[in-house]
Amino acid sequence: MVTGSVEEQEITPPQSTRRKGPDPVLLRAKSWSPEAQIVAKTIKNLHSEKLVPYDDMLILYRVKHTHIVGVVDTLKYILNKYGIPFTWVT
């Protein structure tokens, strides 16, 4: 089992949690909108190229109360723009 960290964020390999799938990925974008687009493109590619059902994917995010950008609205807009169906749970 390989474990590690990126920028002090621990990465847990799928095998240690008995799940199958790719290793988690940490990425950094210049701002929220480009980050949301990267996430949407990744989801779209997993669905079309690897045949992963949309229902098998989810997005987890954390937002501080002081966050100025409309994170939820931006994410919903980008998902709609890429034609990705979603159910919003808060």
PDB file of N, CA and C in Angstrom:
ATOM      1  N   MET A   1       0.850  -1.169   0.000  1.00  0.00           N
ATOM      2  CA  MET A   1       0.000   0.000   0.000  1.00  0.00           C
ATOM      3  C   MET A   1       0.896   1.233   0.000  1.00  0.00           C
ATOM      4  N   VAL A   2       0.581   2.157  -0.872  1.00  0.00           N
ATOM      5  CA  VAL A   2       1.351   3.387  -0.962  1.00  0.00           C
ATOM      6  C   VAL A   2       0.514   4.520  -0.381  1.00  0.00           C
ATOM      7  N   THR A   3       1.094   5.262   0.517  1.00  0.00           N
ATOM      8  CA  THR A   3       0.425   6.432   1.057  1.00  0.00           C
ATOM      9  C   THR A   3       1.323   7.624   0.828  1.00  0.00           C
ATOM     10  N   GLY A   4       0.791   8.800   1.007  1.00  0.00           N
ATOM     11  CA  GLY A   4       1.611   9.982   0.816  1.00  0.00           C
ATOM     12  C   GLY A   4       0.821  11.225   1.122  1.00  0.00           C
ATOM     13  N   SER A   5       1.419  12.344   0.763  1.00  0.00           N
ATOM     14  CA  SER A   5       0.733  13.607   0.958  1.00  0.00           C
ATOM     15  C   SER A   5       1.164  14.576  -0.119  1.00  0.00           C
ATOM     16  N   VAL A   6       0.310  15.512  -0.391  1.00  0.00           N
ATOM     17  CA  VAL A   6       0.585  16.587  -1.327  1.00  0.00           C
ATOM     18  C   VAL A   6       0.267  17.873  -0.604  1.00  0.00           C
ATOM     19  N   GLU A   7       1.253  18.733  -0.490  1.00  0.00           N
ATOM     20  CA  GLU A   7       1.067  20.009   0.195  1.00  0.00           C
ATOM     21  C   GLU A   7       0.388  19.811   1.550  1.00  0.00           C
ATOM     22  N   GLU A   8       0.891  18.846   2.305  1.00  0.00           N
ATOM     23  CA  GLU A   8       0.418  18.540   3.652  1.00  0.00           C
ATOM     24  C   GLU A   8      -0.993  17.949   3.695  1.00  0.00           C
ATOM     25  N   GLN A   9      -1.538  17.513   2.558  1.00  0.00           N
ATOM     26  CA  GLN A   9      -2.843  16.861   2.507  1.00  0.00           C
ATOM     27  C   GLN A   9      -2.609  15.375   2.303  1.00  0.00           C
ATOM     28  N   GLU A  10      -3.071  14.569   3.245  1.00  0.00           N
ATOM     29  CA  GLU A  10      -2.857  13.131   3.165  1.00  0.00           C
ATOM     30  C   GLU A  10      -3.702  12.522   2.052  1.00  0.00           C
ATOM     31  N   ILE A  11      -3.104  11.602   1.326  1.00  0.00           N
ATOM     32  CA  ILE A  11      -3.808  10.873   0.273  1.00  0.00           C
ATOM     33  C   ILE A  11      -3.939   9.426   0.718  1.00  0.00           C
ATOM     34  N   THR A  12      -5.164   8.920   0.744  1.00  0.00           N
ATOM     35  CA  THR A  12      -5.434   7.542   1.135  1.00  0.00           C
ATOM     36  C   THR A  12      -5.686   6.732  -0.126  1.00  0.00           C
ATOM     37  N   PRO A  13      -4.884   5.713  -0.389  1.00  0.00           N
ATOM     38  CA  PRO A  13      -5.088   4.914  -1.595  1.00  0.00           C
ATOM     39  C   PRO A  13      -6.392   4.117  -1.511  1.00  0.00           C
ATOM     40  N   PRO A  14      -7.017   3.864  -2.668  1.00  0.00           N
ATOM     41  CA  PRO A  14      -8.303   3.154  -2.683  1.00  0.00           C
ATOM     42  C   PRO A  14      -8.263   1.792  -1.997  1.00  0.00           C
ATOM     43  N   GLN A  15      -7.133   1.080  -2.106  1.00  0.00           N
ATOM     44  CA  GLN A  15      -7.053  -0.274  -1.553  1.00  0.00           C
ATOM     45  C   GLN A  15      -7.248  -0.290  -0.037  1.00  0.00           C
ATOM     46  N   SER A  16      -6.819   0.766   0.645  1.00  0.00           N
ATOM     47  CA  SER A  16      -6.926   0.771   2.104  1.00  0.00           C
ATOM     48  C   SER A  16      -8.363   0.953   2.577  1.00  0.00           C
ATOM     49  N   THR A  17      -9.235   1.396   1.707  1.00  0.00           N
ATOM     50  CA  THR A  17     -10.637   1.580   2.076  1.00  0.00           C
ATOM     51  C   THR A  17     -11.529   0.523   1.422  1.00  0.00           C
ATOM     52  N   ARG A  18     -10.889  -0.456   0.770  1.00  0.00           N
ATOM     53  CA  ARG A  18     -11.587  -1.560   0.088  1.00  0.00           C
ATOM     54  C   ARG A  18     -12.496  -1.079  -1.035  1.00  0.00           C
ATOM     55  N   ARG A  19     -12.190   0.049  -1.619  1.00  0.00           N
ATOM     56  CA  ARG A  19     -12.967   0.508  -2.761  1.00  0.00           C
ATOM     57  C   ARG A  19     -12.115   0.369  -4.006  1.00  0.00           C
ATOM     58  N   LYS A  20     -12.750   0.379  -5.150  1.00  0.00           N
ATOM     59  CA  LYS A  20     -12.040   0.290  -6.417  1.00  0.00           C
ATOM     60  C   LYS A  20     -12.120   1.642  -7.099  1.00  0.00           C
ATOM     61  N   GLY A  21     -11.118   1.929  -7.892  1.00  0.00           N
ATOM     62  CA  GLY A  21     -11.140   3.171  -8.643  1.00  0.00           C
ATOM     63  C   GLY A  21      -9.807   3.862  -8.611  1.00  0.00           C
ATOM     64  N   PRO A  22      -9.741   4.984  -9.296  1.00  0.00           N
ATOM     65  CA  PRO A  22      -8.466   5.708  -9.349  1.00  0.00           C
ATOM     66  C   PRO A  22      -8.136   6.352  -8.017  1.00  0.00           C
ATOM     67  N   ASP A  23      -6.839   6.627  -7.836  1.00  0.00           N
ATOM     68  CA  ASP A  23      -6.413   7.327  -6.629  1.00  0.00           C
ATOM     69  C   ASP A  23      -7.013   8.725  -6.604  1.00  0.00           C
ATOM     70  N   PRO A  24      -7.299   9.243  -5.417  1.00  0.00           N
ATOM     71  CA  PRO A  24      -7.767  10.627  -5.310  1.00  0.00           C
ATOM     72  C   PRO A  24      -6.713  11.580  -5.864  1.00  0.00           C
ATOM     73  N   VAL A  25      -7.180  12.702  -6.360  1.00  0.00           N
ATOM     74  CA  VAL A  25      -6.284  13.687  -6.953  1.00  0.00           C
ATOM     75  C   VAL A  25      -6.490  15.028  -6.272  1.00  0.00           C
ATOM     76  N   LEU A  26      -5.398  15.670  -5.948  1.00  0.00           N
ATOM     77  CA  LEU A  26      -5.450  17.032  -5.435  1.00  0.00           C
ATOM     78  C   LEU A  26      -4.967  17.953  -6.537  1.00  0.00           C
ATOM     79  N   LEU A  27      -5.726  18.990  -6.815  1.00  0.00           N
ATOM     80  CA  LEU A  27      -5.308  19.940  -7.826  1.00  0.00           C
ATOM     81  C   LEU A  27      -5.537  21.352  -7.325  1.00  0.00           C
ATOM     82  N   ARG A  28      -4.842  22.263  -7.948  1.00  0.00           N
ATOM     83  CA  ARG A  28      -4.972  23.663  -7.557  1.00  0.00           C
ATOM     84  C   ARG A  28      -5.192  24.470  -8.831  1.00  0.00           C
ATOM     85  N   ALA A  29      -6.196  25.331  -8.821  1.00  0.00           N
ATOM     86  CA  ALA A  29      -6.481  26.200  -9.958  1.00  0.00           C
ATOM     87  C   ALA A  29      -6.354  27.656  -9.511  1.00  0.00           C
ATOM     88  N   LYS A  30      -6.277  28.548 -10.483  1.00  0.00           N
ATOM     89  CA  LYS A  30      -6.097  29.967 -10.158  1.00  0.00           C
ATOM     90  C   LYS A  30      -7.303  30.564  -9.449  1.00  0.00           C
ATOM     91  N   SER A  31      -8.482  30.048  -9.757  1.00  0.00           N
ATOM     92  CA  SER A  31      -9.694  30.541  -9.099  1.00  0.00           C
ATOM     93  C   SER A  31     -10.766  29.457  -9.164  1.00  0.00           C
ATOM     94  N   TRP A  32     -11.901  29.760  -8.585  1.00  0.00           N
ATOM     95  CA  TRP A  32     -12.961  28.763  -8.456  1.00  0.00           C
ATOM     96  C   TRP A  32     -13.541  28.345  -9.805  1.00  0.00           C
ATOM     97  N   SER A  33     -13.790  29.269 -10.702  1.00  0.00           N
ATOM     98  CA  SER A  33     -14.403  28.918 -11.984  1.00  0.00           C
ATOM     99  C   SER A  33     -13.545  27.948 -12.796  1.00  0.00           C
ATOM    100  N   PRO A  34     -12.253  28.203 -12.978  1.00  0.00           N
ATOM    101  CA  PRO A  34     -11.432  27.208 -13.679  1.00  0.00           C
ATOM    102  C   PRO A  34     -11.381  25.857 -12.956  1.00  0.00           C
ATOM    103  N   GLU A  35     -11.404  25.893 -11.638  1.00  0.00           N
ATOM    104  CA  GLU A  35     -11.411  24.638 -10.879  1.00  0.00           C
ATOM    105  C   GLU A  35     -12.685  23.852 -11.165  1.00  0.00           C
ATOM    106  N   ALA A  36     -13.820  24.538 -11.163  1.00  0.00           N
ATOM    107  CA  ALA A  36     -15.100  23.882 -11.447  1.00  0.00           C
ATOM    108  C   ALA A  36     -15.111  23.310 -12.864  1.00  0.00           C
ATOM    109  N   GLN A  37     -14.487  24.009 -13.805  1.00  0.00           N
ATOM    110  CA  GLN A  37     -14.425  23.507 -15.181  1.00  0.00           C
ATOM    111  C   GLN A  37     -13.556  22.252 -15.274  1.00  0.00           C
ATOM    112  N   ILE A  38     -12.463  22.218 -14.546  1.00  0.00           N
ATOM    113  CA  ILE A  38     -11.611  21.019 -14.525  1.00  0.00           C
ATOM    114  C   ILE A  38     -12.395  19.833 -13.972  1.00  0.00           C
ATOM    115  N   VAL A  39     -13.133  20.062 -12.902  1.00  0.00           N
ATOM    116  CA  VAL A  39     -13.940  18.997 -12.301  1.00  0.00           C
ATOM    117  C   VAL A  39     -14.992  18.506 -13.299  1.00  0.00           C
ATOM    118  N   ALA A  40     -15.681  19.438 -13.954  1.00  0.00           N
ATOM    119  CA  ALA A  40     -16.720  19.065 -14.917  1.00  0.00           C
ATOM    120  C   ALA A  40     -16.132  18.285 -16.092  1.00  0.00           C
ATOM    121  N   LYS A  41     -14.986  18.727 -16.613  1.00  0.00           N
ATOM    122  CA  LYS A  41     -14.344  18.009 -17.719  1.00  0.00           C
ATOM    123  C   LYS A  41     -13.940  16.601 -17.297  1.00  0.00           C
ATOM    124  N   THR A  42     -13.438  16.472 -16.075  1.00  0.00           N
ATOM    125  CA  THR A  42     -13.036  15.161 -15.568  1.00  0.00           C
ATOM    126  C   THR A  42     -14.239  14.232 -15.463  1.00  0.00           C
ATOM    127  N   ILE A  43     -15.331  14.734 -14.925  1.00  0.00           N
ATOM    128  CA  ILE A  43     -16.561  13.938 -14.812  1.00  0.00           C
ATOM    129  C   ILE A  43     -17.060  13.531 -16.190  1.00  0.00           C
ATOM    130  N   LYS A  44     -17.083  14.473 -17.107  1.00  0.00           N
ATOM    131  CA  LYS A  44     -17.552  14.196 -18.469  1.00  0.00           C
ATOM    132  C   LYS A  44     -16.676  13.121 -19.124  1.00  0.00           C
ATOM    133  N   ASN A  45     -15.354  13.230 -18.964  1.00  0.00           N
ATOM    134  CA  ASN A  45     -14.446  12.228 -19.542  1.00  0.00           C
ATOM    135  C   ASN A  45     -14.620  10.858 -18.904  1.00  0.00           C
ATOM    136  N   LEU A  46     -14.765  10.811 -17.595  1.00  0.00           N
ATOM    137  CA  LEU A  46     -14.992   9.520 -16.935  1.00  0.00           C
ATOM    138  C   LEU A  46     -16.273   8.865 -17.451  1.00  0.00           C
ATOM    139  N   HIS A  47     -17.300   9.678 -17.657  1.00  0.00           N
ATOM    140  CA  HIS A  47     -18.571   9.142 -18.132  1.00  0.00           C
ATOM    141  C   HIS A  47     -18.460   8.643 -19.583  1.00  0.00           C
ATOM    142  N   SER A  48     -17.867   9.449 -20.457  1.00  0.00           N
ATOM    143  CA  SER A  48     -17.839   9.085 -21.880  1.00  0.00           C
ATOM    144  C   SER A  48     -16.736   8.077 -22.229  1.00  0.00           C
ATOM    145  N   GLU A  49     -15.575   8.180 -21.597  1.00  0.00           N
ATOM    146  CA  GLU A  49     -14.461   7.308 -21.961  1.00  0.00           C
ATOM    147  C   GLU A  49     -14.387   6.034 -21.126  1.00  0.00           C
ATOM    148  N   LYS A  50     -14.679   6.129 -19.843  1.00  0.00           N
ATOM    149  CA  LYS A  50     -14.587   4.968 -18.948  1.00  0.00           C
ATOM    150  C   LYS A  50     -15.945   4.364 -18.621  1.00  0.00           C
ATOM    151  N   LEU A  51     -17.014   4.988 -19.163  1.00  0.00           N
ATOM    152  CA  LEU A  51     -18.391   4.532 -18.965  1.00  0.00           C
ATOM    153  C   LEU A  51     -18.809   4.500 -17.494  1.00  0.00           C
ATOM    154  N   VAL A  52     -18.288   5.429 -16.713  1.00  0.00           N
ATOM    155  CA  VAL A  52     -18.685   5.549 -15.311  1.00  0.00           C
ATOM    156  C   VAL A  52     -20.025   6.284 -15.267  1.00  0.00           C
ATOM    157  N   PRO A  53     -21.064   5.666 -14.695  1.00  0.00           N
ATOM    158  CA  PRO A  53     -22.354   6.338 -14.614  1.00  0.00           C
ATOM    159  C   PRO A  53     -22.261   7.621 -13.775  1.00  0.00           C
ATOM    160  N   TYR A  54     -22.997   8.631 -14.188  1.00  0.00           N
ATOM    161  CA  TYR A  54     -23.008   9.875 -13.416  1.00  0.00           C
ATOM    162  C   TYR A  54     -23.433   9.612 -11.968  1.00  0.00           C
ATOM    163  N   ASP A  55     -24.341   8.664 -11.775  1.00  0.00           N
ATOM    164  CA  ASP A  55     -24.826   8.349 -10.424  1.00  0.00           C
ATOM    165  C   ASP A  55     -23.740   7.770  -9.518  1.00  0.00           C
ATOM    166  N   ASP A  56     -22.627   7.333 -10.091  1.00  0.00           N
ATOM    167  CA  ASP A  56     -21.534   6.774  -9.298  1.00  0.00           C
ATOM    168  C   ASP A  56     -20.478   7.812  -8.931  1.00  0.00           C
ATOM    169  N   MET A  57     -20.704   9.070  -9.307  1.00  0.00           N
ATOM    170  CA  MET A  57     -19.726  10.119  -9.030  1.00  0.00           C
ATOM    171  C   MET A  57     -20.336  11.184  -8.133  1.00  0.00           C
ATOM    172  N   LEU A  58     -19.475  11.847  -7.368  1.00  0.00           N
ATOM    173  CA  LEU A  58     -19.940  12.956  -6.550  1.00  0.00           C
ATOM    174  C   LEU A  58     -18.840  13.984  -6.395  1.00  0.00           C
ATOM    175  N   ILE A  59     -19.245  15.171  -6.009  1.00  0.00           N
ATOM    176  CA  ILE A  59     -18.313  16.264  -5.762  1.00  0.00           C
ATOM    177  C   ILE A  59     -18.483  16.682  -4.313  1.00  0.00           C
ATOM    178  N   LEU A  60     -17.402  16.672  -3.575  1.00  0.00           N
ATOM    179  CA  LEU A  60     -17.401  17.177  -2.202  1.00  0.00           C
ATOM    180  C   LEU A  60     -16.633  18.486  -2.200  1.00  0.00           C
ATOM    181  N   TYR A  61     -17.137  19.460  -1.502  1.00  0.00           N
ATOM    182  CA  TYR A  61     -16.438  20.732  -1.433  1.00  0.00           C
ATOM    183  C   TYR A  61     -16.683  21.361  -0.072  1.00  0.00           C
ATOM    184  N   ARG A  62     -15.833  22.285   0.264  1.00  0.00           N
ATOM    185  CA  ARG A  62     -15.958  22.999   1.529  1.00  0.00           C
ATOM    186  C   ARG A  62     -15.827  24.491   1.233  1.00  0.00           C
ATOM    187  N   VAL A  63     -16.720  25.269   1.808  1.00  0.00           N
ATOM    188  CA  VAL A  63     -16.716  26.703   1.575  1.00  0.00           C
ATOM    189  C   VAL A  63     -16.784  27.423   2.910  1.00  0.00           C
ATOM    190  N   LYS A  64     -15.926  28.401   3.074  1.00  0.00           N
ATOM    191  CA  LYS A  64     -15.971  29.219   4.275  1.00  0.00           C
ATOM    192  C   LYS A  64     -17.089  30.243   4.137  1.00  0.00           C
ATOM    193  N   HIS A  65     -17.670  30.655   5.255  1.00  0.00           N
ATOM    194  CA  HIS A  65     -18.735  31.651   5.229  1.00  0.00           C
ATOM    195  C   HIS A  65     -18.273  32.970   4.623  1.00  0.00           C
ATOM    196  N   THR A  66     -17.004  33.254   4.709  1.00  0.00           N
ATOM    197  CA  THR A  66     -16.496  34.519   4.204  1.00  0.00           C
ATOM    198  C   THR A  66     -16.142  34.471   2.720  1.00  0.00           C
ATOM    199  N   HIS A  67     -16.374  33.338   2.082  1.00  0.00           N
ATOM    200  CA  HIS A  67     -16.019  33.182   0.675  1.00  0.00           C
ATOM    201  C   HIS A  67     -16.829  34.160  -0.172  1.00  0.00           C
ATOM    202  N   ILE A  68     -16.160  34.939  -0.995  1.00  0.00           N
ATOM    203  CA  ILE A  68     -16.816  35.985  -1.779  1.00  0.00           C
ATOM    204  C   ILE A  68     -17.459  35.427  -3.048  1.00  0.00           C
ATOM    205  N   VAL A  69     -16.833  34.443  -3.668  1.00  0.00           N
ATOM    206  CA  VAL A  69     -17.322  33.886  -4.928  1.00  0.00           C
ATOM    207  C   VAL A  69     -18.559  33.028  -4.680  1.00  0.00           C
ATOM    208  N   GLY A  70     -19.529  33.086  -5.595  1.00  0.00           N
ATOM    209  CA  GLY A  70     -20.723  32.253  -5.505  1.00  0.00           C
ATOM    210  C   GLY A  70     -20.397  30.818  -5.892  1.00  0.00           C
ATOM    211  N   VAL A  71     -19.840  30.067  -4.977  1.00  0.00           N
ATOM    212  CA  VAL A  71     -19.346  28.720  -5.260  1.00  0.00           C
ATOM    213  C   VAL A  71     -20.468  27.806  -5.761  1.00  0.00           C
ATOM    214  N   VAL A  72     -21.561  27.776  -5.065  1.00  0.00           N
ATOM    215  CA  VAL A  72     -22.664  26.887  -5.436  1.00  0.00           C
ATOM    216  C   VAL A  72     -23.218  27.268  -6.805  1.00  0.00           C
ATOM    217  N   ASP A  73     -23.481  28.546  -7.008  1.00  0.00           N
ATOM    218  CA  ASP A  73     -24.030  28.988  -8.295  1.00  0.00           C
ATOM    219  C   ASP A  73     -23.066  28.712  -9.441  1.00  0.00           C
ATOM    220  N   THR A  74     -21.781  28.939  -9.207  1.00  0.00           N
ATOM    221  CA  THR A  74     -20.786  28.677 -10.244  1.00  0.00           C
ATOM    222  C   THR A  74     -20.737  27.200 -10.587  1.00  0.00           C
ATOM    223  N   LEU A  75     -20.722  26.348  -9.580  1.00  0.00           N
ATOM    224  CA  LEU A  75     -20.652  24.912  -9.823  1.00  0.00           C
ATOM    225  C   LEU A  75     -21.897  24.419 -10.566  1.00  0.00           C
ATOM    226  N   LYS A  76     -23.064  24.858 -10.155  1.00  0.00           N
ATOM    227  CA  LYS A  76     -24.295  24.465 -10.852  1.00  0.00           C
ATOM    228  C   LYS A  76     -24.276  24.942 -12.302  1.00  0.00           C
ATOM    229  N   TYR A  77     -23.821  26.165 -12.519  1.00  0.00           N
ATOM    230  CA  TYR A  77     -23.745  26.719 -13.876  1.00  0.00           C
ATOM    231  C   TYR A  77     -22.821  25.878 -14.754  1.00  0.00           C
ATOM    232  N   ILE A  78     -21.634  25.544 -14.237  1.00  0.00           N
ATOM    233  CA  ILE A  78     -20.650  24.771 -15.004  1.00  0.00           C
ATOM    234  C   ILE A  78     -21.172  23.364 -15.292  1.00  0.00           C
ATOM    235  N   LEU A  79     -21.782  22.719 -14.315  1.00  0.00           N
ATOM    236  CA  LEU A  79     -22.332  21.373 -14.543  1.00  0.00           C
ATOM    237  C   LEU A  79     -23.410  21.410 -15.625  1.00  0.00           C
ATOM    238  N   ASN A  80     -24.277  22.405 -15.569  1.00  0.00           N
ATOM    239  CA  ASN A  80     -25.302  22.560 -16.614  1.00  0.00           C
ATOM    240  C   ASN A  80     -24.665  22.836 -17.969  1.00  0.00           C
ATOM    241  N   LYS A  81     -23.637  23.677 -17.995  1.00  0.00           N
ATOM    242  CA  LYS A  81     -22.943  24.026 -19.236  1.00  0.00           C
ATOM    243  C   LYS A  81     -22.365  22.783 -19.911  1.00  0.00           C
ATOM    244  N   TYR A  82     -21.842  21.847 -19.128  1.00  0.00           N
ATOM    245  CA  TYR A  82     -21.264  20.620 -19.662  1.00  0.00           C
ATOM    246  C   TYR A  82     -22.297  19.504 -19.836  1.00  0.00           C
ATOM    247  N   GLY A  83     -23.561  19.787 -19.530  1.00  0.00           N
ATOM    248  CA  GLY A  83     -24.618  18.789 -19.700  1.00  0.00           C
ATOM    249  C   GLY A  83     -24.529  17.638 -18.723  1.00  0.00           C
ATOM    250  N   ILE A  84     -24.035  17.920 -17.527  1.00  0.00           N
ATOM    251  CA  ILE A  84     -23.877  16.885 -16.511  1.00  0.00           C
ATOM    252  C   ILE A  84     -25.068  16.925 -15.563  1.00  0.00           C
ATOM    253  N   PRO A  85     -25.843  15.843 -15.506  1.00  0.00           N
ATOM    254  CA  PRO A  85     -26.980  15.824 -14.576  1.00  0.00           C
ATOM    255  C   PRO A  85     -26.481  15.745 -13.135  1.00  0.00           C
ATOM    256  N   PHE A  86     -27.206  16.399 -12.241  1.00  0.00           N
ATOM    257  CA  PHE A  86     -26.782  16.361 -10.838  1.00  0.00           C
ATOM    258  C   PHE A  86     -27.976  16.522  -9.914  1.00  0.00           C
ATOM    259  N   THR A  87     -27.800  16.045  -8.705  1.00  0.00           N
ATOM    260  CA  THR A  87     -28.741  16.239  -7.608  1.00  0.00           C
ATOM    261  C   THR A  87     -27.977  16.969  -6.532  1.00  0.00           C
ATOM    262  N   TRP A  88     -28.530  18.062  -6.051  1.00  0.00           N
ATOM    263  CA  TRP A  88     -27.844  18.883  -5.062  1.00  0.00           C
ATOM    264  C   TRP A  88     -28.279  18.479  -3.655  1.00  0.00           C
ATOM    265  N   VAL A  89     -27.326  18.154  -2.797  1.00  0.00           N
ATOM    266  CA  VAL A  89     -27.606  17.772  -1.418  1.00  0.00           C
ATOM    267  C   VAL A  89     -26.797  18.691  -0.520  1.00  0.00           C
ATOM    268  N   THR A  90     -27.456  19.302   0.462  1.00  0.00           N
ATOM    269  CA  THR A  90     -26.732  20.169   1.383  1.00  0.00           C
ATOM    270  C   THR A  90     -26.851  19.648   2.795  1.00  0.00           C
TER     271      THR A  90
END
